Amino acid sequence: MPRRELPAEALVQIEGFLDRLWMESGLSAHTLAAYRTDLCGFAAYLAERGAALPTARRDHVLEYLALKVQGGAKPRSTARLLSTLRRYYRFQVREGAVSADPTAQVDSPRLGKPLPKALSEAEVDALLAAPVVDDPLGLRDRAMLELLYATGLRVSELVGLSMGQVNLRQGVVRVTGKGSKERLVPMGEEAQDWLERYVRKARPALLGARQTEALFVTQRGEGLTRQAFWYRIKHYAQTAGVRSTLSPHTLRHSFATHLLNHGADLRVVQLLLGHSDLSTTQIYTHVASQRLKDLHAKHHPRG
C-alpha cells in the first residue's frame, strides 16, 4: 500500500504534545526529536489503515511493534518506541482527549542484561605497566591499579580504604562494601609488593608533614576521589594503547572473568566480589563462556 502523507491534524496533535512535554519536563531537543520521529511514524502507519492517533487500539500498537521487529528493530529500540507511545497516550488520557490508553495492556520487550566488559589479560598487563613508577604519583597509581585488579574491589571501595583496613603482613584487605558488609580479600604477592613500595616511599613523599588515615592520597595530602582516579585510569589506558571500552568497573569485571577463565569456583568469586546473591556473579560465567567460544572459533581448524 502506498504510504499516505501524514494528516495535518496528526501533526498538530503531536506538536501540541511535544510543546507541553518541553514546558513540563524541559527535555532536550534531541529527545524531543526522537519522540517526534516515533509518533509521526505511528501516525503514518495508522493513516494507512484508515485510523488516527485518537482512535488507535491495542491491536494497532501490537501490529506496529511487530512490523518494527520484522524490519530489524532491536529490543531496546522497540522498548523506546513503546515508551514514547505510552507517554503520549497517558498525556492524552489525562487531558481527556482519549478515553482509553491503547498501550496499557502491552508488555515491554525483554531487555537482556548487558554483559560486563572485561579487558584481555594482555590489555591488563599493558594498563598496569603504564604508570611511571619513579614518580610518587605514578607509584601510587601503579599500586592502586595492581590492588584493583588483584582484589576486584569497586573503585569507591578502593579510594575509600584507610591504612587500618590493609594488613600488609598477612596480605589481606578488609573491605566495607554495600550494605555495610565487611569482607576480607587476599591481595596477592604482586599487588602486596607494589602496595608496600607505595606505603614506604610514595605515600610519605606525598603527605609530607600532614597526617591522614586515607591509604591513597594526593599531593595535597587528601584522600583521592573516585572521579580523580577514574580520570587517571583513562589516561593510562590511552598511554598503554588499550582500545577496549572502559568503565569504572572494568578492572573489577576483568578480575572476575579472568578468575573464572582460570578455573576459579563461582562461589569463591562471589565472596571476593562481595555479591550477596550468586545470580549477580553468574553473569560472569556468560562472559567466560563467550571468551572460550571466541578462542575456539579463532584457533580450532573447524571453528
C-alpha atoms as a PDB file:
ATOM      1  CA  MET A   1       0.000   0.000   0.000  1.00  0.00           C
ATOM      2  CA  PRO A   2       1.452   3.416  -0.904  1.00  0.00           C
ATOM      3  CA  ARG A   3       2.444   5.489   2.095  1.00  0.00           C
ATOM      4  CA  ARG A   4      -0.018   8.270   2.851  1.00  0.00           C
ATOM      5  CA  GLU A   5       1.054  11.761   3.724  1.00  0.00           C
ATOM      6  CA  LEU A   6       0.830  12.396   7.454  1.00  0.00           C
ATOM      7  CA  PRO A   7      -2.532  14.075   8.196  1.00  0.00           C
ATOM      8  CA  ALA A   8      -2.330  17.713   9.290  1.00  0.00           C
ATOM      9  CA  GLU A   9      -4.390  17.023  12.401  1.00  0.00           C
ATOM     10  CA  ALA A  10      -1.886  14.348  13.486  1.00  0.00           C
ATOM     11  CA  LEU A  11       0.967  16.850  13.178  1.00  0.00           C
ATOM     12  CA  VAL A  12      -0.988  19.362  15.274  1.00  0.00           C
ATOM     13  CA  GLN A  13      -1.653  16.732  17.964  1.00  0.00           C
ATOM     14  CA  ILE A  14       1.977  15.622  18.053  1.00  0.00           C
ATOM     15  CA  GLU A  15       3.424  19.139  18.171  1.00  0.00           C
ATOM     16  CA  GLY A  16       0.938  20.139  20.884  1.00  0.00           C
ATOM     17  CA  PHE A  17       2.031  17.164  22.970  1.00  0.00           C
ATOM     18  CA  LEU A  18       5.752  17.944  22.432  1.00  0.00           C
ATOM     19  CA  ASP A  19       5.267  21.599  23.358  1.00  0.00           C
ATOM     20  CA  ARG A  20       3.610  20.615  26.637  1.00  0.00           C
ATOM     21  CA  LEU A  21       6.270  17.990  27.266  1.00  0.00           C
ATOM     22  CA  TRP A  22       9.023  20.539  26.770  1.00  0.00           C
ATOM     23  CA  MET A  23       7.354  23.027  29.128  1.00  0.00           C
ATOM     24  CA  GLU A  24       6.679  20.426  31.834  1.00  0.00           C
ATOM     25  CA  SER A  25       9.849  18.343  31.614  1.00  0.00           C
ATOM     26  CA  GLY A  26      12.434  20.529  29.874  1.00  0.00           C
ATOM     27  CA  LEU A  27      13.564  17.653  27.644  1.00  0.00           C
ATOM     28  CA  SER A  28      16.431  18.201  25.245  1.00  0.00           C
ATOM     29  CA  ALA A  29      15.910  18.964  21.556  1.00  0.00           C
ATOM     30  CA  HIS A  30      17.446  15.571  20.734  1.00  0.00           C
ATOM     31  CA  THR A  31      14.938  13.702  22.933  1.00  0.00           C
ATOM     32  CA  LEU A  32      12.002  15.698  21.557  1.00  0.00           C
ATOM     33  CA  ALA A  33      13.155  14.943  18.007  1.00  0.00           C
ATOM     34  CA  ALA A  34      13.220  11.210  18.831  1.00  0.00           C
ATOM     35  CA  TYR A  35       9.679  11.460  20.250  1.00  0.00           C
ATOM     36  CA  ARG A  36       8.550  13.294  17.110  1.00  0.00           C
ATOM     37  CA  THR A  37      10.008  10.609  14.838  1.00  0.00           C
ATOM     38  CA  ASP A  38       8.341   7.802  16.803  1.00  0.00           C
ATOM     39  CA  LEU A  39       4.941   9.477  16.929  1.00  0.00           C
ATOM     40  CA  CYS A  40       4.961  10.550  13.291  1.00  0.00           C
ATOM     41  CA  GLY A  41       5.856   7.003  12.245  1.00  0.00           C
ATOM     42  CA  PHE A  42       2.962   5.568  14.250  1.00  0.00           C
ATOM     43  CA  ALA A  43       0.550   8.225  12.957  1.00  0.00           C
ATOM     44  CA  ALA A  44       1.558   7.435   9.355  1.00  0.00           C
ATOM     45  CA  TYR A  45       1.006   3.716   9.988  1.00  0.00           C
ATOM     46  CA  LEU A  46      -2.461   4.477  11.392  1.00  0.00           C
ATOM     47  CA  ALA A  47      -3.325   6.711   8.426  1.00  0.00           C
ATOM     48  CA  GLU A  48      -2.533   3.838   6.032  1.00  0.00           C
ATOM     49  CA  ARG A  49      -5.154   1.790   7.872  1.00  0.00           C
ATOM     50  CA  GLY A  50      -7.787   4.491   7.972  1.00  0.00           C
ATOM     51  CA  ALA A  51      -7.225   5.168  11.670  1.00  0.00           C
ATOM     52  CA  ALA A  52      -5.802   8.104  13.622  1.00  0.00           C
ATOM     53  CA  LEU A  53      -3.923   8.758  16.860  1.00  0.00           C
ATOM     54  CA  PRO A  54      -7.089   9.407  18.953  1.00  0.00           C
ATOM     55  CA  THR A  55      -8.745   6.195  17.723  1.00  0.00           C
ATOM     56  CA  ALA A  56      -5.748   3.838  17.939  1.00  0.00           C
ATOM     57  CA  ARG A  57      -6.413   0.436  19.513  1.00  0.00           C
ATOM     58  CA  ARG A  58      -4.215  -2.082  21.304  1.00  0.00           C
ATOM     59  CA  ASP A  59      -4.020  -4.264  18.187  1.00  0.00           C
ATOM     60  CA  HIS A  60      -2.696  -1.273  16.225  1.00  0.00           C
ATOM     61  CA  VAL A  61       0.108  -0.839  18.747  1.00  0.00           C
ATOM     62  CA  LEU A  62       0.964  -4.555  18.749  1.00  0.00           C
ATOM     63  CA  GLU A  63       0.978  -4.784  14.946  1.00  0.00           C
ATOM     64  CA  TYR A  64       3.121  -1.662  14.608  1.00  0.00           C
ATOM     65  CA  LEU A  65       5.678  -3.001  17.095  1.00  0.00           C
ATOM     66  CA  ALA A  66       5.692  -6.343  15.271  1.00  0.00           C
ATOM     67  CA  LEU A  67       6.343  -4.601  11.952  1.00  0.00           C
ATOM     68  CA  LYS A  68       9.273  -2.763  13.516  1.00  0.00           C
ATOM     69  CA  VAL A  69      10.751  -6.029  14.819  1.00  0.00           C
ATOM     70  CA  GLN A  70      10.308  -7.682  11.404  1.00  0.00           C
ATOM     71  CA  GLY A  71      12.149  -4.717   9.909  1.00  0.00           C
ATOM     72  CA  GLY A  72      15.152  -5.415  12.142  1.00  0.00           C
ATOM     73  CA  ALA A  73      14.462  -3.154  15.138  1.00  0.00           C
ATOM     74  CA  LYS A  74      16.374  -4.206  18.257  1.00  0.00           C
ATOM     75  CA  PRO A  75      14.554  -4.785  21.588  1.00  0.00           C
ATOM     76  CA  ARG A  76      15.980  -1.587  23.063  1.00  0.00           C
ATOM     77  CA  SER A  77      14.674   0.485  20.115  1.00  0.00           C
ATOM     78  CA  THR A  78      11.271  -1.197  20.367  1.00  0.00           C
ATOM     79  CA  ALA A  79      11.148  -0.530  24.102  1.00  0.00           C
ATOM     80  CA  ARG A  80      11.936   3.132  23.498  1.00  0.00           C
ATOM     81  CA  LEU A  81       9.191   3.357  20.873  1.00  0.00           C
ATOM     82  CA  LEU A  82       6.630   1.811  23.218  1.00  0.00           C
ATOM     83  CA  SER A  83       7.750   4.180  25.973  1.00  0.00           C
ATOM     84  CA  THR A  84       7.090   7.136  23.649  1.00  0.00           C
ATOM     85  CA  LEU A  85       3.614   5.874  22.782  1.00  0.00           C
ATOM     86  CA  ARG A  86       2.838   5.244  26.461  1.00  0.00           C
ATOM     87  CA  ARG A  87       3.840   8.749  27.404  1.00  0.00           C
ATOM     88  CA  TYR A  88       1.781  10.240  24.584  1.00  0.00           C
ATOM     89  CA  TYR A  89      -1.390   8.321  25.394  1.00  0.00           C
ATOM     90  CA  ARG A  90      -1.131   8.826  29.152  1.00  0.00           C
ATOM     91  CA  PHE A  91      -0.942  12.537  28.436  1.00  0.00           C
ATOM     92  CA  GLN A  92      -3.981  12.347  26.153  1.00  0.00           C
ATOM     93  CA  VAL A  93      -5.984  10.388  28.754  1.00  0.00           C
ATOM     94  CA  ARG A  94      -5.029  12.936  31.406  1.00  0.00           C
ATOM     95  CA  GLU A  95      -6.160  15.758  29.128  1.00  0.00           C
ATOM     96  CA  GLY A  96      -9.428  13.990  28.301  1.00  0.00           C
ATOM     97  CA  ALA A  97      -8.600  13.796  24.584  1.00  0.00           C
ATOM     98  CA  VAL A  98      -8.967   9.981  24.545  1.00  0.00           C
ATOM     99  CA  SER A  99     -10.907   7.717  26.871  1.00  0.00           C
ATOM    100  CA  ALA A 100      -8.526   4.727  26.953  1.00  0.00           C
ATOM    101  CA  ASP A 101      -4.793   4.148  26.637  1.00  0.00           C
ATOM    102  CA  PRO A 102      -4.120   1.587  23.848  1.00  0.00           C
ATOM    103  CA  THR A 103      -0.656   0.849  25.293  1.00  0.00           C
ATOM    104  CA  ALA A 104      -1.958  -0.032  28.779  1.00  0.00           C
ATOM    105  CA  GLN A 105      -2.049  -3.800  28.189  1.00  0.00           C
ATOM    106  CA  VAL A 106       1.054  -4.009  26.017  1.00  0.00           C
ATOM    107  CA  ASP A 107       4.111  -5.614  27.646  1.00  0.00           C
ATOM    108  CA  SER A 108       7.518  -4.062  27.145  1.00  0.00           C
ATOM    109  CA  PRO A 109      10.058  -6.225  25.279  1.00  0.00           C
ATOM    110  CA  ARG A 110      12.523  -8.079  27.480  1.00  0.00           C
ATOM    111  CA  LEU A 111      15.911  -6.407  27.550  1.00  0.00           C
ATOM    112  CA  GLY A 112      18.776  -8.767  28.211  1.00  0.00           C
ATOM    113  CA  LYS A 113      21.173  -7.595  30.873  1.00  0.00           C
ATOM    114  CA  PRO A 114      24.313  -6.366  29.085  1.00  0.00           C
ATOM    115  CA  LEU A 115      27.382  -8.459  29.743  1.00  0.00           C
ATOM    116  CA  PRO A 116      30.132  -6.664  31.654  1.00  0.00           C
ATOM    117  CA  LYS A 117      33.091  -5.616  29.521  1.00  0.00           C
ATOM    118  CA  ALA A 118      36.408  -7.146  30.535  1.00  0.00           C
ATOM    119  CA  LEU A 119      39.904  -6.450  29.257  1.00  0.00           C
ATOM    120  CA  SER A 120      42.079  -9.234  27.903  1.00  0.00           C
ATOM    121  CA  GLU A 121      44.966 -10.319  30.099  1.00  0.00           C
ATOM    122  CA  ALA A 122      47.401  -8.653  27.697  1.00  0.00           C
ATOM    123  CA  GLU A 123      45.459  -5.385  27.931  1.00  0.00           C
ATOM    124  CA  VAL A 124      45.506  -5.568  31.725  1.00  0.00           C
ATOM    125  CA  ASP A 125      49.281  -6.112  31.672  1.00  0.00           C
ATOM    126  CA  ALA A 126      49.722  -3.059  29.434  1.00  0.00           C
ATOM    127  CA  LEU A 127      47.467  -0.917  31.627  1.00  0.00           C
ATOM    128  CA  LEU A 128      49.244  -1.916  34.839  1.00  0.00           C
ATOM    129  CA  ALA A 129      52.627  -1.131  33.316  1.00  0.00           C
ATOM    130  CA  ALA A 130      51.598   2.338  32.107  1.00  0.00           C
ATOM    131  CA  PRO A 131      52.349   4.470  35.239  1.00  0.00           C
ATOM    132  CA  VAL A 132      55.879   5.852  35.591  1.00  0.00           C
ATOM    133  CA  VAL A 133      56.815   4.417  38.979  1.00  0.00           C
ATOM    134  CA  ASP A 134      59.862   6.671  39.545  1.00  0.00           C
ATOM    135  CA  ASP A 135      57.340   9.406  40.354  1.00  0.00           C
ATOM    136  CA  PRO A 136      55.385   9.265  43.671  1.00  0.00           C
ATOM    137  CA  LEU A 137      52.069   9.747  41.854  1.00  0.00           C
ATOM    138  CA  GLY A 138      52.966   7.081  39.317  1.00  0.00           C
ATOM    139  CA  LEU A 139      53.945   4.648  42.077  1.00  0.00           C
ATOM    140  CA  ARG A 140      50.673   5.387  43.866  1.00  0.00           C
ATOM    141  CA  ASP A 141      48.690   4.764  40.679  1.00  0.00           C
ATOM    142  CA  ARG A 142      50.555   1.518  39.948  1.00  0.00           C
ATOM    143  CA  ALA A 143      49.784   0.278  43.446  1.00  0.00           C
ATOM    144  CA  MET A 144      46.113   1.226  43.040  1.00  0.00           C
ATOM    145  CA  LEU A 145      45.769  -0.473  39.654  1.00  0.00           C
ATOM    146  CA  GLU A 146      47.518  -3.614  40.902  1.00  0.00           C
ATOM    147  CA  LEU A 147      45.338  -3.747  44.001  1.00  0.00           C
ATOM    148  CA  LEU A 148      42.169  -3.112  41.998  1.00  0.00           C
ATOM    149  CA  TYR A 149      42.893  -5.927  39.568  1.00  0.00           C
ATOM    150  CA  ALA A 150      44.149  -8.320  42.269  1.00  0.00           C
ATOM    151  CA  THR A 151      41.131  -7.904  44.542  1.00  0.00           C
ATOM    152  CA  GLY A 152      38.192  -6.963  42.327  1.00  0.00           C
ATOM    153  CA  LEU A 153      37.283  -4.056  44.601  1.00  0.00           C
ATOM    154  CA  ARG A 154      34.818  -1.434  43.476  1.00  0.00           C
ATOM    155  CA  VAL A 155      36.586   1.860  42.700  1.00  0.00           C
ATOM    156  CA  SER A 156      34.647   3.504  45.537  1.00  0.00           C
ATOM    157  CA  GLU A 157      35.899   0.795  47.911  1.00  0.00           C
ATOM    158  CA  LEU A 158      39.482   1.257  46.716  1.00  0.00           C
ATOM    159  CA  VAL A 159      39.653   5.028  47.142  1.00  0.00           C
ATOM    160  CA  GLY A 160      37.879   4.764  50.490  1.00  0.00           C
ATOM    161  CA  LEU A 161      40.476   2.431  52.029  1.00  0.00           C
ATOM    162  CA  SER A 162      42.183   3.552  55.217  1.00  0.00           C
ATOM    163  CA  MET A 163      45.574   2.441  56.493  1.00  0.00           C
ATOM    164  CA  GLY A 164      43.856   0.340  59.128  1.00  0.00           C
ATOM    165  CA  GLN A 165      41.999  -1.731  56.524  1.00  0.00           C
ATOM    166  CA  VAL A 166      45.185  -3.100  54.957  1.00  0.00           C
ATOM    167  CA  ASN A 167      47.259  -5.844  56.570  1.00  0.00           C
ATOM    168  CA  LEU A 168      50.491  -5.976  54.600  1.00  0.00           C
ATOM    169  CA  ARG A 169      51.941  -8.715  56.799  1.00  0.00           C
ATOM    170  CA  GLN A 170      49.056 -11.099  56.096  1.00  0.00           C
ATOM    171  CA  GLY A 171      48.401  -9.772  52.604  1.00  0.00           C
ATOM    172  CA  VAL A 172      44.680  -9.069  53.032  1.00  0.00           C
ATOM    173  CA  VAL A 173      42.358  -6.078  52.716  1.00  0.00           C
ATOM    174  CA  ARG A 174      39.323  -5.597  54.966  1.00  0.00           C
ATOM    175  CA  VAL A 175      36.644  -4.026  52.825  1.00  0.00           C
ATOM    176  CA  THR A 176      33.329  -2.465  53.828  1.00  0.00           C
ATOM    177  CA  GLY A 177      31.048  -2.946  50.841  1.00  0.00           C
ATOM    178  CA  LYS A 178      27.397  -2.377  50.031  1.00  0.00           C
ATOM    179  CA  GLY A 179      25.040  -2.663  52.974  1.00  0.00           C
ATOM    180  CA  SER A 180      27.999  -2.047  55.323  1.00  0.00           C
ATOM    181  CA  LYS A 181      29.023  -5.695  54.905  1.00  0.00           C
ATOM    182  CA  GLU A 182      32.662  -6.467  55.605  1.00  0.00           C
ATOM    183  CA  ARG A 183      34.756  -8.976  53.714  1.00  0.00           C
ATOM    184  CA  LEU A 184      38.418  -9.988  53.767  1.00  0.00           C
ATOM    185  CA  VAL A 185      40.049 -10.116  50.352  1.00  0.00           C
ATOM    186  CA  PRO A 186      43.554 -11.503  49.646  1.00  0.00           C
ATOM    187  CA  MET A 187      45.642  -9.132  47.560  1.00  0.00           C
ATOM    188  CA  GLY A 188      48.230 -11.491  46.084  1.00  0.00           C
ATOM    189  CA  GLU A 189      52.003 -11.171  46.135  1.00  0.00           C
ATOM    190  CA  GLU A 190      52.341  -8.776  43.191  1.00  0.00           C
ATOM    191  CA  ALA A 191      49.802  -6.254  44.500  1.00  0.00           C
ATOM    192  CA  GLN A 192      51.181  -6.645  48.016  1.00  0.00           C
ATOM    193  CA  ASP A 193      54.693  -5.825  46.784  1.00  0.00           C
ATOM    194  CA  TRP A 194      53.553  -2.672  44.942  1.00  0.00           C
ATOM    195  CA  LEU A 195      51.446  -1.555  47.889  1.00  0.00           C
ATOM    196  CA  GLU A 196      54.386  -1.985  50.277  1.00  0.00           C
ATOM    197  CA  ARG A 197      56.564   0.127  47.968  1.00  0.00           C
ATOM    198  CA  TYR A 198      53.891   2.821  47.800  1.00  0.00           C
ATOM    199  CA  VAL A 199      53.402   2.933  51.594  1.00  0.00           C
ATOM    200  CA  ARG A 200      57.142   3.003  52.221  1.00  0.00           C
ATOM    201  CA  LYS A 201      58.179   5.548  49.584  1.00  0.00           C
ATOM    202  CA  ALA A 202      55.438   7.409  47.719  1.00  0.00           C
ATOM    203  CA  ARG A 203      52.866   7.982  50.466  1.00  0.00           C
ATOM    204  CA  PRO A 204      55.297   9.759  52.837  1.00  0.00           C
ATOM    205  CA  ALA A 205      56.569  11.870  49.918  1.00  0.00           C
ATOM    206  CA  LEU A 206      53.023  12.934  49.007  1.00  0.00           C
ATOM    207  CA  LEU A 207      51.940  13.609  52.593  1.00  0.00           C
ATOM    208  CA  GLY A 208      54.991  15.432  53.885  1.00  0.00           C
ATOM    209  CA  ALA A 209      54.214  16.545  57.436  1.00  0.00           C
ATOM    210  CA  ARG A 210      50.454  16.117  57.001  1.00  0.00           C
ATOM    211  CA  GLN A 211      48.507  13.302  58.651  1.00  0.00           C
ATOM    212  CA  THR A 212      45.550  11.304  57.313  1.00  0.00           C
ATOM    213  CA  GLU A 213      44.164   7.813  57.655  1.00  0.00           C
ATOM    214  CA  ALA A 214      43.404   7.618  53.914  1.00  0.00           C
ATOM    215  CA  LEU A 215      45.542   4.973  52.239  1.00  0.00           C
ATOM    216  CA  PHE A 216      45.756   6.607  48.806  1.00  0.00           C
ATOM    217  CA  VAL A 217      46.495  10.332  48.939  1.00  0.00           C
ATOM    218  CA  THR A 218      47.000  13.286  46.614  1.00  0.00           C
ATOM    219  CA  GLN A 219      49.805  15.845  46.540  1.00  0.00           C
ATOM    220  CA  ARG A 220      47.625  17.984  48.813  1.00  0.00           C
ATOM    221  CA  GLY A 221      47.628  15.264  51.433  1.00  0.00           C
ATOM    222  CA  GLU A 222      43.952  14.388  50.909  1.00  0.00           C
ATOM    223  CA  GLY A 223      42.250  11.149  50.006  1.00  0.00           C
ATOM    224  CA  LEU A 224      41.899  10.523  46.274  1.00  0.00           C
ATOM    225  CA  THR A 225      38.363  10.801  44.892  1.00  0.00           C
ATOM    226  CA  ARG A 226      36.658   8.227  42.718  1.00  0.00           C
ATOM    227  CA  GLN A 227      36.365  10.707  39.853  1.00  0.00           C
ATOM    228  CA  ALA A 228      40.048  11.647  40.009  1.00  0.00           C
ATOM    229  CA  PHE A 229      41.171   8.020  39.905  1.00  0.00           C
ATOM    230  CA  TRP A 230      38.796   7.239  37.033  1.00  0.00           C
ATOM    231  CA  TYR A 231      40.405  10.098  35.108  1.00  0.00           C
ATOM    232  CA  ARG A 232      43.825   8.530  35.806  1.00  0.00           C
ATOM    233  CA  ILE A 233      42.645   5.121  34.556  1.00  0.00           C
ATOM    234  CA  LYS A 234      41.502   6.618  31.255  1.00  0.00           C
ATOM    235  CA  HIS A 235      44.830   8.445  30.912  1.00  0.00           C
ATOM    236  CA  TYR A 236      46.805   5.231  31.430  1.00  0.00           C
ATOM    237  CA  ALA A 237      44.564   3.290  29.040  1.00  0.00           C
ATOM    238  CA  GLN A 238      45.365   5.847  26.352  1.00  0.00           C
ATOM    239  CA  THR A 239      49.074   5.681  27.183  1.00  0.00           C
ATOM    240  CA  ALA A 240      49.030   1.871  27.034  1.00  0.00           C
ATOM    241  CA  GLY A 241      47.123   1.800  23.740  1.00  0.00           C
ATOM    242  CA  VAL A 242      44.129  -0.004  25.270  1.00  0.00           C
ATOM    243  CA  ARG A 243      41.281   0.464  22.799  1.00  0.00           C
ATOM    244  CA  SER A 244      38.619  -1.535  24.624  1.00  0.00           C
ATOM    245  CA  THR A 245      35.666   0.294  26.155  1.00  0.00           C
ATOM    246  CA  LEU A 246      36.404   1.238  29.748  1.00  0.00           C
ATOM    247  CA  SER A 247      34.123   1.833  32.705  1.00  0.00           C
ATOM    248  CA  PRO A 248      34.943   2.441  36.386  1.00  0.00           C
ATOM    249  CA  HIS A 249      34.281  -1.288  36.931  1.00  0.00           C
ATOM    250  CA  THR A 250      36.390  -2.601  34.028  1.00  0.00           C
ATOM    251  CA  LEU A 251      39.206  -3.995  36.192  1.00  0.00           C
ATOM    252  CA  ARG A 252      36.650  -5.488  38.596  1.00  0.00           C
ATOM    253  CA  HIS A 253      34.964  -7.225  35.660  1.00  0.00           C
ATOM    254  CA  SER A 254      38.354  -8.357  34.363  1.00  0.00           C
ATOM    255  CA  PHE A 255      39.305  -9.734  37.800  1.00  0.00           C
ATOM    256  CA  ALA A 256      36.160 -11.896  37.943  1.00  0.00           C
ATOM    257  CA  THR A 257      36.306 -13.016  34.313  1.00  0.00           C
ATOM    258  CA  HIS A 258      39.987 -13.976  34.432  1.00  0.00           C
ATOM    259  CA  LEU A 259      39.493 -15.928  37.665  1.00  0.00           C
ATOM    260  CA  LEU A 260      36.720 -17.970  36.059  1.00  0.00           C
ATOM    261  CA  ASN A 261      38.742 -18.426  32.873  1.00  0.00           C
ATOM    262  CA  HIS A 262      41.457 -19.994  35.009  1.00  0.00           C
ATOM    263  CA  GLY A 263      39.091 -22.352  36.802  1.00  0.00           C
ATOM    264  CA  ALA A 264      38.051 -20.492  39.949  1.00  0.00           C
ATOM    265  CA  ASP A 265      34.859 -21.614  41.698  1.00  0.00           C
ATOM    266  CA  LEU A 266      31.895 -19.305  41.157  1.00  0.00           C
ATOM    267  CA  ARG A 267      31.086 -19.106  44.883  1.00  0.00           C
ATOM    268  CA  VAL A 268      34.656 -18.078  45.671  1.00  0.00           C
ATOM    269  CA  VAL A 269      34.377 -15.268  43.115  1.00  0.00           C
ATOM    270  CA  GLN A 270      31.048 -14.293  44.695  1.00  0.00           C
ATOM    271  CA  LEU A 271      32.707 -13.944  48.119  1.00  0.00           C
ATOM    272  CA  LEU A 272      35.644 -11.977  46.732  1.00  0.00           C
ATOM    273  CA  LEU A 273      33.369  -9.545  44.889  1.00  0.00           C
ATOM    274  CA  GLY A 274      31.064  -9.137  47.872  1.00  0.00           C
ATOM    275  CA  HIS A 275      27.911 -10.146  45.994  1.00  0.00           C
ATOM    276  CA  SER A 276      25.051 -11.072  48.318  1.00  0.00           C
ATOM    277  CA  ASP A 277      23.311 -13.100  45.596  1.00  0.00           C
ATOM    278  CA  LEU A 278      25.050 -15.739  43.475  1.00  0.00           C
ATOM    279  CA  SER A 279      22.885 -14.796  40.484  1.00  0.00           C
ATOM    280  CA  THR A 280      24.703 -11.447  40.341  1.00  0.00           C
ATOM    281  CA  THR A 281      28.018 -13.285  39.972  1.00  0.00           C
ATOM    282  CA  GLN A 282      26.679 -15.767  37.408  1.00  0.00           C
ATOM    283  CA  ILE A 283      26.718 -13.151  34.667  1.00  0.00           C
ATOM    284  CA  TYR A 284      30.498 -13.589  34.576  1.00  0.00           C
ATOM    285  CA  THR A 285      30.076 -17.221  33.551  1.00  0.00           C
ATOM    286  CA  HIS A 286      28.484 -15.922  30.339  1.00  0.00           C
ATOM    287  CA  VAL A 287      31.498 -13.682  29.748  1.00  0.00           C
ATOM    288  CA  ALA A 288      33.878 -16.571  30.358  1.00  0.00           C
ATOM    289  CA  SER A 289      31.849 -18.886  28.106  1.00  0.00           C
ATOM    290  CA  GLN A 290      31.847 -16.321  25.313  1.00  0.00           C
ATOM    291  CA  ARG A 291      35.618 -15.990  25.668  1.00  0.00           C
ATOM    292  CA  LEU A 292      36.010 -19.766  25.275  1.00  0.00           C
ATOM    293  CA  LYS A 293      33.769 -19.722  22.183  1.00  0.00           C
ATOM    294  CA  ASP A 294      35.802 -16.903  20.654  1.00  0.00           C
ATOM    295  CA  LEU A 295      39.059 -18.775  21.306  1.00  0.00           C
ATOM    296  CA  HIS A 296      37.620 -21.954  19.797  1.00  0.00           C
ATOM    297  CA  ALA A 297      36.405 -20.099  16.698  1.00  0.00           C
ATOM    298  CA  LYS A 298      39.777 -18.417  16.283  1.00  0.00           C
ATOM    299  CA  HIS A 299      42.132 -21.346  16.861  1.00  0.00           C
ATOM    300  CA  HIS A 300      40.264 -24.579  16.096  1.00  0.00           C
ATOM    301  CA  PRO A 301      40.664 -25.759  12.488  1.00  0.00           C
ATOM    302  CA  ARG A 302      36.905 -26.290  12.258  1.00  0.00           C
ATOM    303  CA  GLY A 303      35.946 -23.310  14.423  1.00  0.00           C
END
